[in-house]
């Protein structure tokens, strides 16, 4: 059923993706920014008055959930594994860095080990990293970290806020279970930046850039900003032509990111709820609280221009593209669990660098399935395969029984993963790979 205060059904939630799409540890090493990440035991406060819930994380908590750099940085990233199991660092949205590609280019890091690799940040945007590639069925679930890369050019905003939204399945004894397991009687709990509720003070005529990240393990979500004009500026880390979010709602597949601008115009002392819809019901997770301070300026800012381009191609050669049919879900296929993946496995396809690739993604599962492409961003093609939506994505949810076509320019030589996961907590994460030569 649709929720009366946020009228979306689960089918409408997934369908909306096709039409709406939608600190500590940072140092300076010899002039090059470095990023120190620790895979370690941690805890998160999920139940008022009860002990914290043990989890695994990438470093300690901070007031800002985003690790911040600027476009053009070549960061030196180090992962130290303090967990009792192998760890694989999985990046979302960082295109064209073979050295950082898990499983196909790097092997999982053994307990007690450490590795360092360089990551050139060619693109500005909102990105994500986590330990979840090998997380199914492990002893504890893990949290994600946002990676924020600022544009080289000036962007006219007063504040830049990250909203990392995550879900946890909690038993009565307070323990949390990992995805890939039957949740049984577990209760879902949702957090935003590690909290169950967040207040964001805003001043009149202040412009905010809100970076929403779906850190859910499996589910598509919608986020609605009540009584606000929301303007979408970027999807999955890549700029789009600005467009208004219908009814102030943003739909995100697991791992997807949306950058939106809002201009604060509400009377001092008023509040606007930020609602999370999980496909069944809506609940508040944050509030925009209008400050009683004087306005930040005398009048609202003019409409924002598009964000600076990251240089992705403006045209794709669909006529001469390499075309691949790829089945998701359904009967057993060549998709495998990450723990069972071997580098000697046959790739889905091989393609010469610079060629356009069109993938026809057919979902044969009986529920929506999420597809994530490593290494490259893609365009979502129109139904007639004669054009594309005016934005780039790296993640797409596909309804049961449906086929979606995507296209990308294979610009980066290397071996790259594909991920497929049904939108059910107990569903396994599955992978295959492709090669650009």
Protein backbone atom coordinates (compact mmCIF):
# COMPACT_ATOMS: atom_id res chain seq x y z
CA UNK A 1 0.00 0.00 0.00
CA UNK A 2 1.00 3.60 -0.48
CA UNK A 3 1.82 5.62 2.62
CA UNK A 4 -0.73 8.43 3.19
CA UNK A 5 1.93 11.09 3.95
CA UNK A 6 4.36 9.95 1.27
CA UNK A 7 2.32 8.14 -1.41
CA UNK A 8 4.68 5.60 -2.93
CA UNK A 9 4.28 1.86 -3.40
CA UNK A 10 7.34 -0.37 -3.70
CA UNK A 11 6.78 -0.70 -7.47
CA UNK A 12 6.46 3.07 -7.85
CA UNK A 13 9.63 3.50 -5.82
CA UNK A 14 11.70 1.37 -8.20
CA UNK A 15 9.98 2.73 -11.29
CA UNK A 16 10.85 6.24 -10.21
CA UNK A 17 14.53 5.51 -10.73
CA UNK A 18 14.11 5.41 -14.48
CA UNK A 19 12.34 8.72 -14.76
CA UNK A 20 13.38 10.82 -11.76
CA UNK A 21 17.03 10.01 -11.38
CA UNK A 22 17.77 10.28 -9.98
CA UNK A 23 38.61 14.76 8.76
CA UNK A 24 40.35 12.24 10.60
CA UNK A 25 42.46 9.82 8.60
CA UNK A 26 43.44 12.45 6.00
CA UNK A 27 47.05 13.63 5.98
CA UNK A 28 49.59 15.17 3.65
CA UNK A 29 52.47 12.92 2.57
CA UNK A 30 55.26 14.63 0.61
CA UNK A 31 52.80 17.08 -0.92
CA UNK A 32 50.35 14.34 -1.93
CA UNK A 33 47.10 13.94 0.01
CA UNK A 34 46.90 10.59 1.75
CA UNK A 35 43.94 8.66 3.07
CA UNK A 36 44.37 6.22 5.96
CA UNK A 37 41.51 3.74 6.33
CA UNK A 38 41.21 1.09 9.03
CA UNK A 39 38.89 -1.88 8.72
CA UNK A 40 38.14 -2.41 12.39
CA UNK A 41 35.62 -3.41 15.05
CA UNK A 42 33.35 -0.53 16.01
CA UNK A 43 29.90 0.18 17.44
CA UNK A 44 26.91 2.38 16.63
CA UNK A 45 24.15 3.71 18.90
CA UNK A 46 20.88 2.38 17.49
CA UNK A 47 18.64 1.95 20.57
CA UNK A 48 18.12 4.74 23.11
CA UNK A 49 19.18 3.66 26.57
CA UNK A 50 20.65 0.38 25.33
CA UNK A 51 24.27 -0.59 24.68
CA UNK A 52 25.79 0.30 21.33
CA UNK A 53 25.54 -2.30 18.57
CA UNK A 54 28.83 -3.91 17.47
CA UNK A 55 29.63 -3.40 13.76
CA UNK A 56 32.67 -3.17 11.50
CA UNK A 57 33.71 0.16 10.04
CA UNK A 58 36.28 2.06 7.98
CA UNK A 59 37.83 4.25 10.65
CA UNK A 60 36.31 6.13 13.55
CA UNK A 61 33.24 8.35 13.55
CA UNK A 62 33.57 12.01 12.63
CA UNK A 63 31.28 15.01 12.65
CA UNK A 64 31.47 14.91 8.83
CA UNK A 65 30.78 11.50 7.27
CA UNK A 66 32.55 12.58 4.07
CA UNK A 67 36.27 12.21 3.35
CA UNK A 68 36.98 15.43 1.44
CA UNK A 69 39.44 16.13 -1.36
CA UNK A 70 39.47 18.23 -4.53
CA UNK A 71 39.40 17.34 -8.20
CA UNK A 72 42.88 16.68 -9.54
CA UNK A 73 44.23 15.25 -6.29
CA UNK A 74 46.13 11.99 -6.60
CA UNK A 75 45.57 10.48 -3.18
CA UNK A 76 47.67 7.79 -1.60
CA UNK A 77 45.15 5.45 0.02
CA UNK A 78 46.16 2.93 2.66
CA UNK A 79 43.88 0.22 4.05
CA UNK A 80 44.87 -1.55 7.27
CA UNK A 81 42.82 -4.66 8.02
CA UNK A 82 42.26 -5.08 11.76
CA UNK A 83 39.38 -7.51 11.26
CA UNK A 84 39.54 -11.29 11.81
CA UNK A 85 38.49 -11.89 8.18
CA UNK A 86 39.84 -10.81 4.76
CA UNK A 87 38.75 -7.33 3.65
CA UNK A 88 38.14 -5.85 0.20
CA UNK A 89 37.72 -2.10 -0.24
CA UNK A 90 34.92 -1.44 -2.73
CA UNK A 91 34.71 1.98 -4.42
CA UNK A 92 31.55 3.33 -6.03
CA UNK A 93 31.83 5.98 -8.73
CA UNK A 94 35.62 6.19 -9.00
CA UNK A 95 36.10 5.53 -12.72
CA UNK A 96 39.21 4.23 -14.43
CA UNK A 97 41.50 3.23 -11.52
CA UNK A 98 42.46 -0.43 -12.18
CA UNK A 99 44.82 -0.56 -9.19
CA UNK A 100 41.89 0.03 -6.83
CA UNK A 101 39.54 -2.50 -8.44
CA UNK A 102 38.71 -5.31 -5.98
CA UNK A 103 38.96 -9.01 -6.85
CA UNK A 104 40.00 -8.59 -10.51
CA UNK A 105 43.09 -6.46 -9.81
CA UNK A 106 43.62 -6.83 -6.07
CA UNK A 107 43.12 -9.82 -3.79
CA UNK A 108 41.29 -9.49 -0.47
CA UNK A 109 43.53 -8.14 2.27
CA UNK A 110 44.42 -10.72 4.93
CA UNK A 111 43.79 -9.99 8.64
CA UNK A 112 46.60 -7.85 10.05
CA UNK A 113 47.83 -6.81 6.59
CA UNK A 114 48.10 -3.37 5.03
CA UNK A 115 48.17 -2.14 1.43
CA UNK A 116 48.67 1.23 -0.27
CA UNK A 117 47.59 2.31 -3.73
CA UNK A 118 47.22 5.59 -5.65
CA UNK A 119 43.83 6.93 -6.71
CA UNK A 120 43.75 9.84 -9.17
CA UNK A 121 40.60 11.87 -8.57
CA UNK A 122 39.76 12.86 -12.15
CA UNK A 123 36.14 13.73 -11.41
CA UNK A 124 34.45 15.96 -8.86
CA UNK A 125 31.38 14.52 -7.17
CA UNK A 126 29.92 12.36 -4.42
CA UNK A 127 31.41 8.87 -4.15
CA UNK A 128 31.38 5.97 -1.72
CA UNK A 129 33.63 3.27 -0.32
CA UNK A 130 32.83 0.31 1.93
CA UNK A 131 33.80 -3.22 2.99
CA UNK A 132 30.55 -4.84 1.87
CA UNK A 133 31.73 -6.72 -1.21
CA UNK A 134 32.68 -9.69 1.03
CA UNK A 135 30.16 -8.81 3.73
CA UNK A 136 27.40 -11.36 3.11
CA UNK A 137 27.06 -13.75 6.04
CA UNK A 138 29.95 -12.30 8.04
CA UNK A 139 29.91 -11.91 11.83
CA UNK A 140 28.96 -8.21 11.74
CA UNK A 141 27.54 -5.74 9.22
CA UNK A 142 29.70 -2.81 8.19
CA UNK A 143 29.14 0.89 7.62
CA UNK A 144 30.13 2.91 4.54
CA UNK A 145 32.14 6.11 4.08
CA UNK A 146 31.40 8.97 1.71
CA UNK A 147 34.17 10.40 -0.46
CA UNK A 148 33.60 14.02 -1.50
CA UNK A 149 35.65 15.52 -4.34
CA UNK A 150 35.19 19.26 -4.73
CA UNK A 151 35.03 20.96 -8.10
CA UNK A 152 38.05 22.95 -9.30
CA UNK A 153 35.67 25.77 -10.20
CA UNK A 154 33.69 27.78 -7.67
CA UNK A 155 30.18 26.49 -6.88
CA UNK A 156 27.82 29.02 -5.30
CA UNK A 157 26.54 27.35 -2.14
CA UNK A 158 26.72 28.40 1.49
CA UNK A 159 26.85 24.91 2.96
CA UNK A 160 27.78 21.46 1.69
CA UNK A 161 26.17 18.67 3.72
CA UNK A 162 26.50 14.89 3.38
CA UNK A 163 23.50 12.68 4.29
CA UNK A 164 24.63 9.06 4.41
CA UNK A 165 21.53 6.95 5.08
CA UNK A 166 22.04 3.34 6.22
CA UNK A 167 19.93 0.42 7.44
CA UNK A 168 20.56 -2.16 10.14
CA UNK A 169 18.69 -5.35 11.03
CA UNK A 170 18.69 -5.76 14.82
CA UNK A 171 17.71 -8.76 16.94
CA UNK A 172 16.06 -8.35 20.36
CA UNK A 173 19.43 -8.87 22.06
CA UNK A 174 20.88 -5.86 20.21
CA UNK A 175 23.05 -7.76 17.77
CA UNK A 176 22.98 -6.79 14.10
CA UNK A 177 22.95 -9.31 11.27
CA UNK A 178 24.62 -9.05 7.90
CA UNK A 179 22.89 -9.18 4.52
CA UNK A 180 22.72 -12.51 2.75
CA UNK A 181 21.08 -14.05 5.85
CA UNK A 182 17.40 -14.52 6.66
CA UNK A 183 16.49 -11.59 8.94
CA UNK A 184 13.67 -13.61 10.58
CA UNK A 185 12.42 -11.54 13.53
CA UNK A 186 15.02 -8.78 13.21
CA UNK A 187 13.85 -5.16 13.31
CA UNK A 188 15.06 -2.60 10.77
CA UNK A 189 16.64 0.57 12.14
CA UNK A 190 17.72 3.48 9.95
CA UNK A 191 20.48 6.01 10.55
CA UNK A 192 21.54 9.23 8.88
CA UNK A 193 25.23 10.05 9.41
CA UNK A 194 25.25 7.42 12.16
CA UNK A 195 22.28 8.92 14.05
CA UNK A 196 18.64 7.95 14.19
CA UNK A 197 17.55 11.62 13.84
CA UNK A 198 19.39 14.70 12.65
CA UNK A 199 18.58 18.42 12.95
CA UNK A 200 20.05 20.80 10.35
CA UNK A 201 19.82 24.52 11.19
CA UNK A 202 19.38 26.82 8.17
CA UNK A 203 19.28 30.58 7.77
CA UNK A 204 16.86 32.47 5.52
CA UNK A 205 18.13 32.72 1.91
CA UNK A 206 20.91 30.23 2.62
CA UNK A 207 21.69 27.81 -0.22
CA UNK A 208 22.53 24.24 0.77
CA UNK A 209 24.08 21.51 -1.31
CA UNK A 210 22.73 18.24 0.08
CA UNK A 211 24.55 15.08 -0.93
CA UNK A 212 22.14 12.19 -0.34
CA UNK A 213 23.66 8.70 -0.33
CA UNK A 214 21.68 5.45 -0.17
CA UNK A 215 23.91 3.38 2.11
CA UNK A 216 21.25 0.66 2.45
CA UNK A 217 22.44 -2.88 2.01
CA UNK A 218 19.74 -3.94 -0.44
CA UNK A 219 16.74 -1.64 -0.74
CA UNK A 220 15.69 1.19 -3.00
CA UNK A 221 14.60 4.25 -1.00
CA UNK A 222 13.00 7.63 -1.55
CA UNK A 223 13.87 10.76 0.40
CA UNK A 224 11.31 13.59 0.53
CA UNK A 225 12.04 17.11 1.71
CA UNK A 226 8.72 18.54 2.88
CA UNK A 227 7.77 22.08 1.82
CA UNK A 228 11.04 22.60 -0.06
CA UNK A 229 11.88 23.28 -3.69
CA UNK A 230 14.54 20.66 -4.43
CA UNK A 231 16.72 20.98 -7.51
CA UNK A 232 18.71 17.94 -8.63
CA UNK A 233 22.24 18.86 -9.73
CA UNK A 234 24.14 15.56 -9.97
CA UNK A 235 23.52 11.81 -9.94
CA UNK A 236 26.01 9.12 -8.95
CA UNK A 237 28.77 11.71 -8.78
CA UNK A 238 28.26 13.17 -12.27
CA UNK A 239 26.65 16.55 -13.08
CA UNK A 240 23.27 16.58 -14.78
CA UNK A 241 21.17 19.30 -16.30
CA UNK A 242 19.46 20.82 -13.22
CA UNK A 243 15.84 19.75 -12.81
CA UNK A 244 13.26 19.99 -10.02
CA UNK A 245 12.57 16.90 -7.93
CA UNK A 246 8.88 16.10 -8.29
CA UNK A 247 7.14 16.77 -4.97
CA UNK A 248 10.57 17.22 -3.40
CA UNK A 249 11.25 13.46 -3.56
CA UNK A 250 14.49 11.75 -4.61
CA UNK A 251 14.65 8.03 -5.47
CA UNK A 252 17.93 6.19 -4.88
CA UNK A 253 19.02 2.60 -5.51
CA UNK A 254 21.44 1.06 -2.98
CA UNK A 255 24.77 2.83 -3.35
CA UNK A 256 23.32 5.63 -5.50
CA UNK A 257 24.02 9.30 -4.77
CA UNK A 258 22.09 12.48 -5.59
CA UNK A 259 23.35 16.04 -5.12
CA UNK A 260 20.50 18.52 -4.67
CA UNK A 261 20.32 22.26 -3.99
CA UNK A 262 17.73 23.91 -1.77
CA UNK A 263 17.27 27.60 -0.89
CA UNK A 264 15.98 28.23 2.62
CA UNK A 265 12.85 30.38 2.51
CA UNK A 266 10.74 29.19 5.45
CA UNK A 267 9.84 31.50 8.37
CA UNK A 268 12.26 31.56 11.34
CA UNK A 269 11.47 28.85 13.87
CA UNK A 270 9.66 26.61 11.37
CA UNK A 271 10.79 23.08 10.54
CA UNK A 272 10.70 20.95 7.41
CA UNK A 273 10.85 17.19 7.77
CA UNK A 274 13.10 14.98 5.69
CA UNK A 275 11.21 11.71 5.25
CA UNK A 276 12.63 8.32 4.36
CA UNK A 277 10.38 5.93 2.41
CA UNK A 278 11.53 2.30 2.23
CA UNK A 279 8.79 1.13 -0.15
CA UNK A 280 6.37 0.31 2.66
CA UNK A 281 6.14 3.37 4.87
CA UNK A 282 7.61 6.82 5.45
CA UNK A 283 9.33 8.01 8.60
CA UNK A 284 11.20 11.20 9.53
CA UNK A 285 14.99 10.90 9.70
CA UNK A 286 15.99 14.59 9.80
CA UNK A 287 14.63 18.12 10.12
CA UNK A 288 15.60 21.39 8.49
CA UNK A 289 15.17 23.96 11.27
CA UNK A 290 14.81 27.60 10.17
CA UNK A 291 17.10 29.74 12.32
CA UNK A 292 15.93 32.93 14.04
CA UNK A 293 19.19 34.60 13.06
CA UNK A 294 19.10 37.38 10.51
CA UNK A 295 18.96 36.27 6.84
CA UNK A 296 22.29 35.30 5.33
CA UNK A 297 21.54 37.74 2.47
CA UNK A 298 18.77 40.14 1.53
CA UNK A 299 17.27 38.02 -1.26
CA UNK A 300 17.51 34.45 -2.57
CA UNK A 301 20.31 33.58 -4.97
CA UNK A 302 19.60 33.34 -8.68
CA UNK A 303 18.90 29.88 -10.11
CA UNK A 304 22.06 27.78 -10.05
CA UNK A 305 23.76 26.93 -13.34
CA UNK A 306 24.77 23.31 -14.05
CA UNK A 307 27.73 22.00 -12.11
CA UNK A 308 31.04 22.01 -14.03
CA UNK A 309 31.41 19.09 -16.41
CA UNK A 310 33.72 16.21 -15.54
CA UNK A 311 34.51 15.77 -19.22
CA UNK A 312 32.43 12.69 -19.98
CA UNK A 313 31.55 12.39 -23.69
CA UNK A 314 28.58 14.35 -24.98
CA UNK A 315 27.78 11.74 -27.65
CA UNK A 316 27.81 7.93 -27.78
CA UNK A 317 28.14 5.97 -31.03
CA UNK A 318 25.16 3.64 -30.62
CA UNK A 319 25.15 2.65 -34.30
CA UNK A 320 28.53 0.91 -34.09
CA UNK A 321 28.31 -0.18 -30.48
CA UNK A 322 29.25 -3.59 -29.11
CA UNK A 323 25.95 -5.05 -27.88
CA UNK A 324 25.71 -7.53 -25.02
CA UNK A 325 22.65 -9.24 -23.51
CA UNK A 326 23.07 -9.77 -19.77
CA UNK A 327 20.62 -11.67 -17.57
CA UNK A 328 20.13 -10.72 -13.92
CA UNK A 329 18.42 -13.02 -11.43
CA UNK A 330 16.36 -16.03 -12.41
CA UNK A 331 17.89 -19.53 -12.73
CA UNK A 332 21.58 -20.10 -11.85
CA UNK A 333 23.90 -18.26 -14.20
CA UNK A 334 27.57 -17.38 -14.38
CA UNK A 335 27.15 -14.79 -11.66
CA UNK A 336 29.03 -15.85 -8.50
CA UNK A 337 29.38 -14.68 -4.91
CA UNK A 338 32.42 -12.40 -4.44
CA UNK A 339 34.03 -14.92 -2.07
CA UNK A 340 33.88 -17.53 -4.86
CA UNK A 341 35.18 -15.23 -7.60
CA UNK A 342 38.41 -16.18 -9.38
CA UNK A 343 40.45 -13.98 -11.67
CA UNK A 344 40.53 -16.84 -14.20
CA UNK A 345 36.75 -16.69 -14.66
CA UNK A 346 35.56 -15.93 -18.18
CA UNK A 347 34.63 -12.25 -18.68
CA UNK A 348 31.16 -11.23 -19.80
CA UNK A 349 32.81 -9.51 -22.76
CA UNK A 350 36.04 -8.00 -24.01
CA UNK A 351 36.05 -4.69 -25.86
CA UNK A 352 38.60 -2.41 -27.43
CA UNK A 353 39.23 0.89 -25.65
CA UNK A 354 37.17 3.77 -27.01
CA UNK A 355 34.29 1.63 -28.24
CA UNK A 356 30.71 2.21 -27.14
CA UNK A 357 29.11 -0.70 -25.28
CA UNK A 358 25.36 -1.26 -25.00
CA UNK A 359 24.18 -3.67 -22.30
CA UNK A 360 20.64 -5.05 -22.35
CA UNK A 361 19.97 -5.87 -18.68
CA UNK A 362 17.11 -8.37 -18.38
CA UNK A 363 15.88 -8.96 -14.83
CA UNK A 364 14.52 -12.52 -14.58
CA UNK A 365 14.10 -12.39 -10.80
CA UNK A 366 10.66 -12.01 -9.25
CA UNK A 367 11.68 -8.79 -7.46
CA UNK A 368 13.61 -5.67 -8.45
CA UNK A 369 17.35 -6.18 -8.92
CA UNK A 370 20.13 -3.60 -8.65
CA UNK A 371 22.97 -3.51 -11.18
CA UNK A 372 26.22 -1.64 -10.49
CA UNK A 373 28.93 -1.07 -13.11
CA UNK A 374 32.52 -0.57 -12.02
CA UNK A 375 35.08 1.46 -13.95
CA UNK A 376 32.70 3.57 -16.07
CA UNK A 377 29.52 5.63 -15.82
CA UNK A 378 26.69 4.88 -18.24
CA UNK A 379 23.69 6.49 -19.89
CA UNK A 380 20.22 5.00 -19.45
CA UNK A 381 18.86 4.55 -22.96
CA UNK A 382 15.36 5.47 -24.03
CA UNK A 383 12.98 2.58 -24.62
CA UNK A 384 13.35 2.84 -28.40
CA UNK A 385 17.17 2.76 -28.08
CA UNK A 386 17.39 5.98 -30.09
CA UNK A 387 18.66 8.30 -27.37
CA UNK A 388 19.43 8.54 -23.67
CA UNK A 389 18.43 10.25 -20.46
CA UNK A 390 20.32 13.49 -19.79
CA UNK A 391 22.38 12.17 -16.89
CA UNK A 392 25.07 9.62 -16.07
CA UNK A 393 24.70 6.73 -13.61
CA UNK A 394 26.77 3.89 -12.22
CA UNK A 395 23.88 2.09 -10.48
CA UNK A 396 20.41 1.11 -11.70
CA UNK A 397 17.45 -0.74 -10.19
CA UNK A 398 15.46 -2.82 -12.68
CA UNK A 399 11.92 -4.02 -11.99
CA UNK A 400 11.05 -7.71 -12.03
CA UNK A 401 10.60 -9.00 -15.56
CA UNK A 402 11.84 -5.77 -17.14
CA UNK A 403 14.77 -5.06 -19.46
CA UNK A 404 16.72 -1.81 -19.39
CA UNK A 405 19.44 -0.80 -21.84
CA UNK A 406 22.47 1.21 -20.84
CA UNK A 407 25.42 2.52 -22.85
CA UNK A 408 28.92 3.67 -21.98
CA UNK A 409 32.15 4.58 -23.70
CA UNK A 410 34.83 2.06 -22.72
CA UNK A 411 37.48 4.68 -22.07
CA UNK A 412 39.55 2.98 -19.37
CA UNK A 413 41.74 -0.05 -20.05
CA UNK A 414 41.53 -2.68 -17.33
CA UNK A 415 39.48 -5.45 -15.74
CA UNK A 416 36.27 -4.22 -14.14
CA UNK A 417 33.57 -5.77 -11.97
CA UNK A 418 29.80 -5.80 -12.38
CA UNK A 419 27.56 -6.35 -9.35
CA UNK A 420 24.00 -7.67 -9.23
CA UNK A 421 21.85 -7.85 -6.10
CA UNK A 422 18.13 -8.50 -5.66
CA UNK A 423 16.33 -6.04 -3.40
CA UNK A 424 15.86 -8.48 -0.52
CA UNK A 425 17.96 -8.56 2.65
CA UNK A 426 18.65 -12.29 2.31
CA UNK A 427 19.60 -12.07 -1.38
CA UNK A 428 23.27 -12.69 -2.20
CA UNK A 429 25.55 -10.10 -3.76
CA UNK A 430 26.82 -11.49 -7.08
CA UNK A 431 29.60 -10.43 -9.43
CA UNK A 432 31.00 -10.89 -12.93
CA UNK A 433 33.61 -8.90 -14.83
CA UNK A 434 34.44 -7.34 -18.19
CA UNK A 435 37.67 -6.32 -19.90
CA UNK A 436 38.65 -3.14 -21.79
CA UNK A 437 41.77 -3.73 -23.85
